[in-house]
Amino acid sequence: MKIQKGFTLIEMMIVMLIISVLLIITIPNITKHNSNINDKGCQAFVKMVQAQVQAYEMEKKKLPSSVDELVSAGYIRSDAKGCPNGTTQVKIESDGTVVEVASTSQ
C-alpha cells in the first residue's frame, strides 16, 4: 500500500475559510481610509503647486496669473492641474496663494 502525500479536502476548505475571513476584515478597512488618503494627497498637491508659484515668482519677478501659466512655463505637468482624487482643481489667487476649488467637469 502506497502512502500518498497531499492535502485533504477539509484542509483546503479550512485554508479557504481563513483567507476569506481575512479578506472580509481587510477590504472594509481599506475602503474606509480611501477618502482620507485622497484628502492628504490633495493637501500635498496644493503645497507642491504653492512651492512652484514661489519658484516662478523668484525667477520671473512676478506672480503667475493662473495654473496654465505654470504649465506653459514648465513648472508643473499639464496633466497635474488638479488634485489626485479628480474632483478638485487648484486656483492661484491674486496674492499668489493656491486654493482648492470644486471641479466643474464631472
PDB file of N, CA and C in Angstrom:
ATOM      1  N   MET A   1       0.819  -1.164   0.000  1.00  0.00           N
ATOM      2  CA  MET A   1       0.000   0.000   0.000  1.00  0.00           C
ATOM      3  C   MET A   1       0.880   1.251   0.000  1.00  0.00           C
ATOM      4  N   LYS A   2       0.647   2.149  -0.962  1.00  0.00           N
ATOM      5  CA  LYS A   2       1.398   3.402  -1.047  1.00  0.00           C
ATOM      6  C   LYS A   2       0.765   4.456  -0.150  1.00  0.00           C
ATOM      7  N   ILE A   3       1.629   5.237   0.488  1.00  0.00           N
ATOM      8  CA  ILE A   3       1.137   6.367   1.261  1.00  0.00           C
ATOM      9  C   ILE A   3       1.229   7.589   0.363  1.00  0.00           C
ATOM     10  N   GLN A   4       0.083   8.192   0.079  1.00  0.00           N
ATOM     11  CA  GLN A   4       0.061   9.374  -0.767  1.00  0.00           C
ATOM     12  C   GLN A   4       0.076  10.619   0.109  1.00  0.00           C
ATOM     13  N   LYS A   5       0.929  11.573  -0.300  1.00  0.00           N
ATOM     14  CA  LYS A   5       1.021  12.812   0.455  1.00  0.00           C
ATOM     15  C   LYS A   5       0.257  13.897  -0.283  1.00  0.00           C
ATOM     16  N   GLY A   6      -0.395  14.747   0.470  1.00  0.00           N
ATOM     17  CA  GLY A   6      -1.157  15.837  -0.119  1.00  0.00           C
ATOM     18  C   GLY A   6      -2.141  16.382   0.891  1.00  0.00           C
ATOM     19  N   PHE A   7      -2.900  17.366   0.440  1.00  0.00           N
ATOM     20  CA  PHE A   7      -3.888  17.985   1.314  1.00  0.00           C
ATOM     21  C   PHE A   7      -5.236  17.324   1.120  1.00  0.00           C
ATOM     22  N   THR A   8      -5.967  17.213   2.207  1.00  0.00           N
ATOM     23  CA  THR A   8      -7.318  16.681   2.100  1.00  0.00           C
ATOM     24  C   THR A   8      -8.269  17.826   1.752  1.00  0.00           C
ATOM     25  N   LEU A   9      -9.468  17.464   1.392  1.00  0.00           N
ATOM     26  CA  LEU A   9     -10.477  18.461   1.058  1.00  0.00           C
ATOM     27  C   LEU A   9     -10.798  19.333   2.272  1.00  0.00           C
ATOM     28  N   ILE A  10     -10.853  18.761   3.435  1.00  0.00           N
ATOM     29  CA  ILE A  10     -11.143  19.516   4.669  1.00  0.00           C
ATOM     30  C   ILE A  10     -10.031  20.537   4.928  1.00  0.00           C
ATOM     31  N   GLU A  11      -8.791  20.152   4.760  1.00  0.00           N
ATOM     32  CA  GLU A  11      -7.675  21.078   4.976  1.00  0.00           C
ATOM     33  C   GLU A  11      -7.733  22.243   3.987  1.00  0.00           C
ATOM     34  N   MET A  12      -8.033  21.953   2.748  1.00  0.00           N
ATOM     35  CA  MET A  12      -8.151  23.009   1.744  1.00  0.00           C
ATOM     36  C   MET A  12      -9.318  23.956   2.068  1.00  0.00           C
ATOM     37  N   MET A  13     -10.418  23.423   2.544  1.00  0.00           N
ATOM     38  CA  MET A  13     -11.567  24.258   2.888  1.00  0.00           C
ATOM     39  C   MET A  13     -11.259  25.146   4.092  1.00  0.00           C
ATOM     40  N   ILE A  14     -10.505  24.641   5.052  1.00  0.00           N
ATOM     41  CA  ILE A  14     -10.125  25.444   6.214  1.00  0.00           C
ATOM     42  C   ILE A  14      -9.226  26.601   5.779  1.00  0.00           C
ATOM     43  N   VAL A  15      -8.294  26.341   4.898  1.00  0.00           N
ATOM     44  CA  VAL A  15      -7.416  27.398   4.386  1.00  0.00           C
ATOM     45  C   VAL A  15      -8.229  28.451   3.639  1.00  0.00           C
ATOM     46  N   MET A  16      -9.161  28.029   2.803  1.00  0.00           N
ATOM     47  CA  MET A  16     -10.008  28.970   2.077  1.00  0.00           C
ATOM     48  C   MET A  16     -10.867  29.793   3.039  1.00  0.00           C
ATOM     49  N   LEU A  17     -11.352  29.173   4.118  1.00  0.00           N
ATOM     50  CA  LEU A  17     -12.145  29.889   5.113  1.00  0.00           C
ATOM     51  C   LEU A  17     -11.300  30.966   5.799  1.00  0.00           C
ATOM     52  N   ILE A  18     -10.080  30.648   6.148  1.00  0.00           N
ATOM     53  CA  ILE A  18      -9.196  31.622   6.806  1.00  0.00           C
ATOM     54  C   ILE A  18      -8.892  32.784   5.866  1.00  0.00           C
ATOM     55  N   ILE A  19      -8.606  32.498   4.615  1.00  0.00           N
ATOM     56  CA  ILE A  19      -8.335  33.560   3.641  1.00  0.00           C
ATOM     57  C   ILE A  19      -9.568  34.438   3.453  1.00  0.00           C
ATOM     58  N   SER A  20     -10.749  33.836   3.389  1.00  0.00           N
ATOM     59  CA  SER A  20     -11.989  34.603   3.223  1.00  0.00           C
ATOM     60  C   SER A  20     -12.235  35.525   4.414  1.00  0.00           C
ATOM     61  N   VAL A  21     -12.008  35.038   5.627  1.00  0.00           N
ATOM     62  CA  VAL A  21     -12.199  35.864   6.813  1.00  0.00           C
ATOM     63  C   VAL A  21     -11.222  37.037   6.805  1.00  0.00           C
ATOM     64  N   LEU A  22      -9.988  36.794   6.437  1.00  0.00           N
ATOM     65  CA  LEU A  22      -9.000  37.876   6.370  1.00  0.00           C
ATOM     66  C   LEU A  22      -9.409  38.931   5.342  1.00  0.00           C
ATOM     67  N   LEU A  23      -9.915  38.505   4.193  1.00  0.00           N
ATOM     68  CA  LEU A  23     -10.376  39.453   3.178  1.00  0.00           C
ATOM     69  C   LEU A  23     -11.593  40.241   3.657  1.00  0.00           C
ATOM     70  N   ILE A  24     -12.503  39.580   4.347  1.00  0.00           N
ATOM     71  CA  ILE A  24     -13.695  40.264   4.858  1.00  0.00           C
ATOM     72  C   ILE A  24     -13.311  41.328   5.876  1.00  0.00           C
ATOM     73  N   ILE A  25     -12.275  41.083   6.639  1.00  0.00           N
ATOM     74  CA  ILE A  25     -11.815  42.063   7.636  1.00  0.00           C
ATOM     75  C   ILE A  25     -11.038  43.200   6.980  1.00  0.00           C
ATOM     76  N   THR A  26     -10.217  42.896   5.992  1.00  0.00           N
ATOM     77  CA  THR A  26      -9.303  43.896   5.427  1.00  0.00           C
ATOM     78  C   THR A  26      -9.949  44.851   4.439  1.00  0.00           C
ATOM     79  N   ILE A  27     -10.783  44.394   3.569  1.00  0.00           N
ATOM     80  CA  ILE A  27     -11.322  45.235   2.498  1.00  0.00           C
ATOM     81  C   ILE A  27     -12.126  46.428   3.029  1.00  0.00           C
ATOM     82  N   PRO A  28     -13.005  46.274   4.005  1.00  0.00           N
ATOM     83  CA  PRO A  28     -13.702  47.465   4.510  1.00  0.00           C
ATOM     84  C   PRO A  28     -12.759  48.492   5.139  1.00  0.00           C
ATOM     85  N   ASN A  29     -11.712  48.031   5.794  1.00  0.00           N
ATOM     86  CA  ASN A  29     -10.758  48.971   6.389  1.00  0.00           C
ATOM     87  C   ASN A  29     -10.022  49.768   5.325  1.00  0.00           C
ATOM     88  N   ILE A  30      -9.708  49.145   4.225  1.00  0.00           N
ATOM     89  CA  ILE A  30      -9.005  49.844   3.146  1.00  0.00           C
ATOM     90  C   ILE A  30      -9.926  50.875   2.505  1.00  0.00           C
ATOM     91  N   THR A  31     -11.160  50.515   2.236  1.00  0.00           N
ATOM     92  CA  THR A  31     -12.071  51.458   1.599  1.00  0.00           C
ATOM     93  C   THR A  31     -12.466  52.590   2.532  1.00  0.00           C
ATOM     94  N   LYS A  32     -12.473  52.331   3.834  1.00  0.00           N
ATOM     95  CA  LYS A  32     -12.815  53.373   4.798  1.00  0.00           C
ATOM     96  C   LYS A  32     -11.758  54.489   4.795  1.00  0.00           C
ATOM     97  N   HIS A  33     -10.512  54.135   4.588  1.00  0.00           N
ATOM     98  CA  HIS A  33      -9.435  55.115   4.627  1.00  0.00           C
ATOM     99  C   HIS A  33      -9.147  55.746   3.271  1.00  0.00           C
ATOM    100  N   ASN A  34      -9.864  55.346   2.244  1.00  0.00           N
ATOM    101  CA  ASN A  34      -9.622  55.856   0.901  1.00  0.00           C
ATOM    102  C   ASN A  34      -9.856  57.362   0.802  1.00  0.00           C
ATOM    103  N   SER A  35     -10.926  57.864   1.391  1.00  0.00           N
ATOM    104  CA  SER A  35     -11.194  59.309   1.314  1.00  0.00           C
ATOM    105  C   SER A  35     -10.156  60.096   2.091  1.00  0.00           C
ATOM    106  N   ASN A  36      -9.697  59.561   3.205  1.00  0.00           N
ATOM    107  CA  ASN A  36      -8.641  60.223   3.974  1.00  0.00           C
ATOM    108  C   ASN A  36      -7.351  60.298   3.169  1.00  0.00           C
ATOM    109  N   ILE A  37      -7.045  59.241   2.453  1.00  0.00           N
ATOM    110  CA  ILE A  37      -5.842  59.214   1.617  1.00  0.00           C
ATOM    111  C   ILE A  37      -5.959  60.246   0.496  1.00  0.00           C
ATOM    112  N   ASN A  38      -7.135  60.351  -0.124  1.00  0.00           N
ATOM    113  CA  ASN A  38      -7.341  61.338  -1.187  1.00  0.00           C
ATOM    114  C   ASN A  38      -7.208  62.757  -0.662  1.00  0.00           C
ATOM    115  N   ASP A  39      -7.727  63.018   0.543  1.00  0.00           N
ATOM    116  CA  ASP A  39      -7.612  64.353   1.130  1.00  0.00           C
ATOM    117  C   ASP A  39      -6.159  64.720   1.388  1.00  0.00           C
ATOM    118  N   LYS A  40      -5.397  63.787   1.919  1.00  0.00           N
ATOM    119  CA  LYS A  40      -3.973  64.041   2.187  1.00  0.00           C
ATOM    120  C   LYS A  40      -3.218  64.276   0.876  1.00  0.00           C
ATOM    121  N   GLY A  41      -3.562  63.515  -0.166  1.00  0.00           N
ATOM    122  CA  GLY A  41      -2.929  63.712  -1.470  1.00  0.00           C
ATOM    123  C   GLY A  41      -3.241  65.077  -2.046  1.00  0.00           C
ATOM    124  N   CYS A  42      -4.456  65.542  -1.838  1.00  0.00           N
ATOM    125  CA  CYS A  42      -4.860  66.855  -2.338  1.00  0.00           C
ATOM    126  C   CYS A  42      -4.125  67.961  -1.584  1.00  0.00           C
ATOM    127  N   GLN A  43      -4.002  67.816  -0.272  1.00  0.00           N
ATOM    128  CA  GLN A  43      -3.264  68.805   0.516  1.00  0.00           C
ATOM    129  C   GLN A  43      -1.804  68.882   0.066  1.00  0.00           C
ATOM    130  N   ALA A  44      -1.202  67.730  -0.191  1.00  0.00           N
ATOM    131  CA  ALA A  44       0.188  67.703  -0.653  1.00  0.00           C
ATOM    132  C   ALA A  44       0.315  68.352  -2.029  1.00  0.00           C
ATOM    133  N   PHE A  45      -0.667  68.119  -2.906  1.00  0.00           N
ATOM    134  CA  PHE A  45      -0.634  68.713  -4.237  1.00  0.00           C
ATOM    135  C   PHE A  45      -0.716  70.229  -4.164  1.00  0.00           C
ATOM    136  N   VAL A  46      -1.593  70.747  -3.294  1.00  0.00           N
ATOM    137  CA  VAL A  46      -1.732  72.195  -3.141  1.00  0.00           C
ATOM    138  C   VAL A  46      -0.416  72.794  -2.643  1.00  0.00           C
ATOM    139  N   LYS A  47       0.242  72.135  -1.703  1.00  0.00           N
ATOM    140  CA  LYS A  47       1.530  72.632  -1.200  1.00  0.00           C
ATOM    141  C   LYS A  47       2.594  72.613  -2.292  1.00  0.00           C
ATOM    142  N   MET A  48       2.574  71.586  -3.143  1.00  0.00           N
ATOM    143  CA  MET A  48       3.537  71.492  -4.232  1.00  0.00           C
ATOM    144  C   MET A  48       3.319  72.622  -5.243  1.00  0.00           C
ATOM    145  N   VAL A  49       2.057  72.901  -5.582  1.00  0.00           N
ATOM    146  CA  VAL A  49       1.764  73.988  -6.517  1.00  0.00           C
ATOM    147  C   VAL A  49       2.154  75.327  -5.896  1.00  0.00           C
ATOM    148  N   GLN A  50       1.917  75.481  -4.586  1.00  0.00           N
ATOM    149  CA  GLN A  50       2.306  76.707  -3.907  1.00  0.00           C
ATOM    150  C   GLN A  50       3.823  76.909  -3.984  1.00  0.00           C
ATOM    151  N   ALA A  51       4.581  75.849  -3.833  1.00  0.00           N
ATOM    152  CA  ALA A  51       6.036  75.937  -3.948  1.00  0.00           C
ATOM    153  C   ALA A  51       6.451  76.323  -5.366  1.00  0.00           C
ATOM    154  N   GLN A  52       5.741  75.813  -6.364  1.00  0.00           N
ATOM    155  CA  GLN A  52       6.059  76.153  -7.744  1.00  0.00           C
ATOM    156  C   GLN A  52       5.692  77.602  -8.057  1.00  0.00           C
ATOM    157  N   VAL A  53       4.644  78.110  -7.423  1.00  0.00           N
ATOM    158  CA  VAL A  53       4.286  79.529  -7.576  1.00  0.00           C
ATOM    159  C   VAL A  53       5.416  80.394  -7.026  1.00  0.00           C
ATOM    160  N   GLN A  54       5.956  80.012  -5.877  1.00  0.00           N
ATOM    161  CA  GLN A  54       7.055  80.775  -5.278  1.00  0.00           C
ATOM    162  C   GLN A  54       8.317  80.704  -6.144  1.00  0.00           C
ATOM    163  N   ALA A  55       8.593  79.535  -6.720  1.00  0.00           N
ATOM    164  CA  ALA A  55       9.749  79.401  -7.603  1.00  0.00           C
ATOM    165  C   ALA A  55       9.566  80.261  -8.854  1.00  0.00           C
ATOM    166  N   TYR A  56       8.359  80.262  -9.405  1.00  0.00           N
ATOM    167  CA  TYR A  56       8.051  81.088 -10.576  1.00  0.00           C
ATOM    168  C   TYR A  56       8.260  82.560 -10.238  1.00  0.00           C
ATOM    169  N   GLU A  57       7.770  82.965  -9.061  1.00  0.00           N
ATOM    170  CA  GLU A  57       7.894  84.363  -8.651  1.00  0.00           C
ATOM    171  C   GLU A  57       9.361  84.771  -8.481  1.00  0.00           C
ATOM    172  N   MET A  58      10.163  83.888  -7.932  1.00  0.00           N
ATOM    173  CA  MET A  58      11.585  84.209  -7.752  1.00  0.00           C
ATOM    174  C   MET A  58      12.312  84.342  -9.086  1.00  0.00           C
ATOM    175  N   GLU A  59      11.970  83.486 -10.047  1.00  0.00           N
ATOM    176  CA  GLU A  59      12.666  83.516 -11.336  1.00  0.00           C
ATOM    177  C   GLU A  59      12.139  84.606 -12.266  1.00  0.00           C
ATOM    178  N   LYS A  60      10.834  84.794 -12.291  1.00  0.00           N
ATOM    179  CA  LYS A  60      10.230  85.724 -13.257  1.00  0.00           C
ATOM    180  C   LYS A  60       9.939  87.103 -12.669  1.00  0.00           C
ATOM    181  N   LYS A  61      10.081  87.249 -11.347  1.00  0.00           N
ATOM    182  CA  LYS A  61       9.826  88.526 -10.653  1.00  0.00           C
ATOM    183  C   LYS A  61       8.371  88.969 -10.756  1.00  0.00           C
ATOM    184  N   LYS A  62       7.461  88.014 -10.939  1.00  0.00           N
ATOM    185  CA  LYS A  62       6.028  88.301 -10.949  1.00  0.00           C
ATOM    186  C   LYS A  62       5.292  87.020 -10.592  1.00  0.00           C
ATOM    187  N   LEU A  63       4.060  87.183 -10.150  1.00  0.00           N
ATOM    188  CA  LEU A  63       3.236  86.025  -9.817  1.00  0.00           C
ATOM    189  C   LEU A  63       2.567  85.484 -11.077  1.00  0.00           C
ATOM    190  N   PRO A  64       2.398  84.171 -11.162  1.00  0.00           N
ATOM    191  CA  PRO A  64       1.651  83.633 -12.301  1.00  0.00           C
ATOM    192  C   PRO A  64       0.174  83.980 -12.156  1.00  0.00           C
ATOM    193  N   SER A  65      -0.471  84.221 -13.267  1.00  0.00           N
ATOM    194  CA  SER A  65      -1.894  84.591 -13.215  1.00  0.00           C
ATOM    195  C   SER A  65      -2.803  83.374 -13.106  1.00  0.00           C
ATOM    196  N   SER A  66      -2.304  82.211 -13.540  1.00  0.00           N
ATOM    197  CA  SER A  66      -3.135  81.010 -13.488  1.00  0.00           C
ATOM    198  C   SER A  66      -2.251  79.766 -13.463  1.00  0.00           C
ATOM    199  N   VAL A  67      -2.889  78.633 -13.256  1.00  0.00           N
ATOM    200  CA  VAL A  67      -2.183  77.360 -13.283  1.00  0.00           C
ATOM    201  C   VAL A  67      -1.672  77.080 -14.698  1.00  0.00           C
ATOM    202  N   ASP A  68      -2.419  77.518 -15.697  1.00  0.00           N
ATOM    203  CA  ASP A  68      -1.996  77.321 -17.085  1.00  0.00           C
ATOM    204  C   ASP A  68      -0.660  78.010 -17.362  1.00  0.00           C
ATOM    205  N   GLU A  69      -0.428  79.144 -16.723  1.00  0.00           N
ATOM    206  CA  GLU A  69       0.842  79.841 -16.897  1.00  0.00           C
ATOM    207  C   GLU A  69       1.996  79.027 -16.303  1.00  0.00           C
ATOM    208  N   LEU A  70       1.749  78.361 -15.180  1.00  0.00           N
ATOM    209  CA  LEU A  70       2.766  77.474 -14.594  1.00  0.00           C
ATOM    210  C   LEU A  70       3.040  76.284 -15.510  1.00  0.00           C
ATOM    211  N   VAL A  71       1.990  75.769 -16.131  1.00  0.00           N
ATOM    212  CA  VAL A  71       2.151  74.634 -17.047  1.00  0.00           C
ATOM    213  C   VAL A  71       2.959  75.051 -18.266  1.00  0.00           C
ATOM    214  N   SER A  72       2.618  76.191 -18.864  1.00  0.00           N
ATOM    215  CA  SER A  72       3.315  76.624 -20.079  1.00  0.00           C
ATOM    216  C   SER A  72       4.775  76.979 -19.796  1.00  0.00           C
ATOM    217  N   ALA A  73       5.074  77.409 -18.567  1.00  0.00           N
ATOM    218  CA  ALA A  73       6.456  77.730 -18.208  1.00  0.00           C
ATOM    219  C   ALA A  73       7.240  76.486 -17.779  1.00  0.00           C
ATOM    220  N   GLY A  74       6.565  75.347 -17.662  1.00  0.00           N
ATOM    221  CA  GLY A  74       7.245  74.096 -17.340  1.00  0.00           C
ATOM    222  C   GLY A  74       7.416  73.838 -15.851  1.00  0.00           C
ATOM    223  N   TYR A  75       6.674  74.525 -15.006  1.00  0.00           N
ATOM    224  CA  TYR A  75       6.799  74.332 -13.569  1.00  0.00           C
ATOM    225  C   TYR A  75       5.992  73.144 -13.063  1.00  0.00           C
ATOM    226  N   ILE A  76       4.874  72.844 -13.705  1.00  0.00           N
ATOM    227  CA  ILE A  76       4.104  71.646 -13.391  1.00  0.00           C
ATOM    228  C   ILE A  76       3.685  70.982 -14.692  1.00  0.00           C
ATOM    229  N   ARG A  77       3.378  69.694 -14.616  1.00  0.00           N
ATOM    230  CA  ARG A  77       2.955  68.959 -15.807  1.00  0.00           C
ATOM    231  C   ARG A  77       1.544  69.366 -16.218  1.00  0.00           C
ATOM    232  N   SER A  78       1.249  69.209 -17.471  1.00  0.00           N
ATOM    233  CA  SER A  78      -0.070  69.607 -17.979  1.00  0.00           C
ATOM    234  C   SER A  78      -1.188  68.720 -17.443  1.00  0.00           C
ATOM    235  N   ASP A  79      -0.880  67.473 -17.087  1.00  0.00           N
ATOM    236  CA  ASP A  79      -1.916  66.594 -16.548  1.00  0.00           C
ATOM    237  C   ASP A  79      -2.070  66.742 -15.036  1.00  0.00           C
ATOM    238  N   ALA A  80      -1.333  67.675 -14.434  1.00  0.00           N
ATOM    239  CA  ALA A  80      -1.374  67.858 -12.976  1.00  0.00           C
ATOM    240  C   ALA A  80      -2.007  69.190 -12.609  1.00  0.00           C
ATOM    241  N   LYS A  81      -3.169  69.468 -13.159  1.00  0.00           N
ATOM    242  CA  LYS A  81      -3.844  70.729 -12.853  1.00  0.00           C
ATOM    243  C   LYS A  81      -4.797  70.598 -11.673  1.00  0.00           C
ATOM    244  N   GLY A  82      -5.052  69.390 -11.229  1.00  0.00           N
ATOM    245  CA  GLY A  82      -5.984  69.176 -10.134  1.00  0.00           C
ATOM    246  C   GLY A  82      -5.488  68.131  -9.169  1.00  0.00           C
ATOM    247  N   CYS A  83      -6.222  67.984  -8.107  1.00  0.00           N
ATOM    248  CA  CYS A  83      -5.869  67.019  -7.069  1.00  0.00           C
ATOM    249  C   CYS A  83      -5.959  65.589  -7.604  1.00  0.00           C
ATOM    250  N   PRO A  84      -5.217  64.674  -6.996  1.00  0.00           N
ATOM    251  CA  PRO A  84      -5.240  63.283  -7.463  1.00  0.00           C
ATOM    252  C   PRO A  84      -6.609  62.619  -7.395  1.00  0.00           C
ATOM    253  N   ASN A  85      -7.492  63.110  -6.520  1.00  0.00           N
ATOM    254  CA  ASN A  85      -8.815  62.492  -6.431  1.00  0.00           C
ATOM    255  C   ASN A  85      -9.696  62.817  -7.634  1.00  0.00           C
ATOM    256  N   GLY A  86      -9.295  63.801  -8.440  1.00  0.00           N
ATOM    257  CA  GLY A  86     -10.010  64.118  -9.669  1.00  0.00           C
ATOM    258  C   GLY A  86     -11.238  64.982  -9.491  1.00  0.00           C
ATOM    259  N   THR A  87     -11.603  65.321  -8.271  1.00  0.00           N
ATOM    260  CA  THR A  87     -12.804  66.122  -8.046  1.00  0.00           C
ATOM    261  C   THR A  87     -12.493  67.556  -7.671  1.00  0.00           C
ATOM    262  N   THR A  88     -11.234  67.887  -7.494  1.00  0.00           N
ATOM    263  CA  THR A  88     -10.862  69.220  -7.051  1.00  0.00           C
ATOM    264  C   THR A  88      -9.773  69.786  -7.942  1.00  0.00           C
ATOM    265  N   GLN A  89      -9.942  71.034  -8.336  1.00  0.00           N
ATOM    266  CA  GLN A  89      -8.933  71.754  -9.102  1.00  0.00           C
ATOM    267  C   GLN A  89      -8.267  72.775  -8.178  1.00  0.00           C
ATOM    268  N   VAL A  90      -7.154  73.318  -8.624  1.00  0.00           N
ATOM    269  CA  VAL A  90      -6.495  74.366  -7.851  1.00  0.00           C
ATOM    270  C   VAL A  90      -6.547  75.673  -8.631  1.00  0.00           C
ATOM    271  N   LYS A  91      -6.529  76.760  -7.890  1.00  0.00           N
ATOM    272  CA  LYS A  91      -6.597  78.082  -8.490  1.00  0.00           C
ATOM    273  C   LYS A  91      -5.575  78.962  -7.778  1.00  0.00           C
ATOM    274  N   ILE A  92      -4.933  79.854  -8.529  1.00  0.00           N
ATOM    275  CA  ILE A  92      -3.975  80.784  -7.948  1.00  0.00           C
ATOM    276  C   ILE A  92      -4.681  82.117  -7.741  1.00  0.00           C
ATOM    277  N   GLU A  93      -4.714  82.566  -6.489  1.00  0.00           N
ATOM    278  CA  GLU A  93      -5.329  83.848  -6.161  1.00  0.00           C
ATOM    279  C   GLU A  93      -4.404  84.994  -6.586  1.00  0.00           C
ATOM    280  N   SER A  94      -4.912  86.222  -6.541  1.00  0.00           N
ATOM    281  CA  SER A  94      -4.122  87.387  -6.970  1.00  0.00           C
ATOM    282  C   SER A  94      -2.919  87.637  -6.069  1.00  0.00           C
ATOM    283  N   ASP A  95      -2.981  87.175  -4.811  1.00  0.00           N
ATOM    284  CA  ASP A  95      -1.834  87.362  -3.911  1.00  0.00           C
ATOM    285  C   ASP A  95      -0.847  86.204  -3.983  1.00  0.00           C
ATOM    286  N   GLY A  96      -1.091  85.219  -4.847  1.00  0.00           N
ATOM    287  CA  GLY A  96      -0.169  84.110  -5.049  1.00  0.00           C
ATOM    288  C   GLY A  96      -0.480  82.868  -4.245  1.00  0.00           C
ATOM    289  N   THR A  97      -1.512  82.893  -3.428  1.00  0.00           N
ATOM    290  CA  THR A  97      -1.865  81.692  -2.673  1.00  0.00           C
ATOM    291  C   THR A  97      -2.647  80.731  -3.553  1.00  0.00           C
ATOM    292  N   VAL A  98      -2.445  79.463  -3.301  1.00  0.00           N
ATOM    293  CA  VAL A  98      -3.108  78.411  -4.075  1.00  0.00           C
ATOM    294  C   VAL A  98      -4.269  77.881  -3.247  1.00  0.00           C
ATOM    295  N   VAL A  99      -5.460  77.821  -3.851  1.00  0.00           N
ATOM    296  CA  VAL A  99      -6.649  77.340  -3.158  1.00  0.00           C
ATOM    297  C   VAL A  99      -7.296  76.236  -3.983  1.00  0.00           C
ATOM    298  N   GLU A 100      -8.039  75.392  -3.276  1.00  0.00           N
ATOM    299  CA  GLU A 100      -8.790  74.307  -3.931  1.00  0.00           C
ATOM    300  C   GLU A 100     -10.160  74.839  -4.344  1.00  0.00           C
ATOM    301  N   VAL A 101     -10.591  74.458  -5.534  1.00  0.00           N
ATOM    302  CA  VAL A 101     -11.939  74.794  -5.989  1.00  0.00           C
ATOM    303  C   VAL A 101     -12.574  73.514  -6.534  1.00  0.00           C
ATOM    304  N   ALA A 102     -13.878  73.418  -6.409  1.00  0.00           N
ATOM    305  CA  ALA A 102     -14.589  72.241  -6.914  1.00  0.00           C
ATOM    306  C   ALA A 102     -14.486  72.198  -8.428  1.00  0.00           C
ATOM    307  N   SER A 103     -14.262  71.038  -8.974  1.00  0.00           N
ATOM    308  CA  SER A 103     -14.145  70.851 -10.407  1.00  0.00           C
ATOM    309  C   SER A 103     -15.508  70.976 -11.067  1.00  0.00           C
ATOM    310  N   THR A 104     -15.550  71.645 -12.213  1.00  0.00           N
ATOM    311  CA  THR A 104     -16.815  71.796 -12.933  1.00  0.00           C
ATOM    312  C   THR A 104     -17.043  70.706 -13.947  1.00  0.00           C
ATOM    313  N   SER A 105     -15.997  70.008 -14.359  1.00  0.00           N
ATOM    314  CA  SER A 105     -16.150  68.952 -15.364  1.00  0.00           C
ATOM    315  C   SER A 105     -16.188  67.599 -14.675  1.00  0.00           C
ATOM    316  N   GLN A 106     -17.378  67.013 -14.587  1.00  0.00           N
ATOM    317  CA  GLN A 106     -17.524  65.705 -13.959  1.00  0.00           C
ATOM    318  C   GLN A 106     -18.257  64.780 -14.866  1.00  0.00           C
TER     319      GLN A 106
END
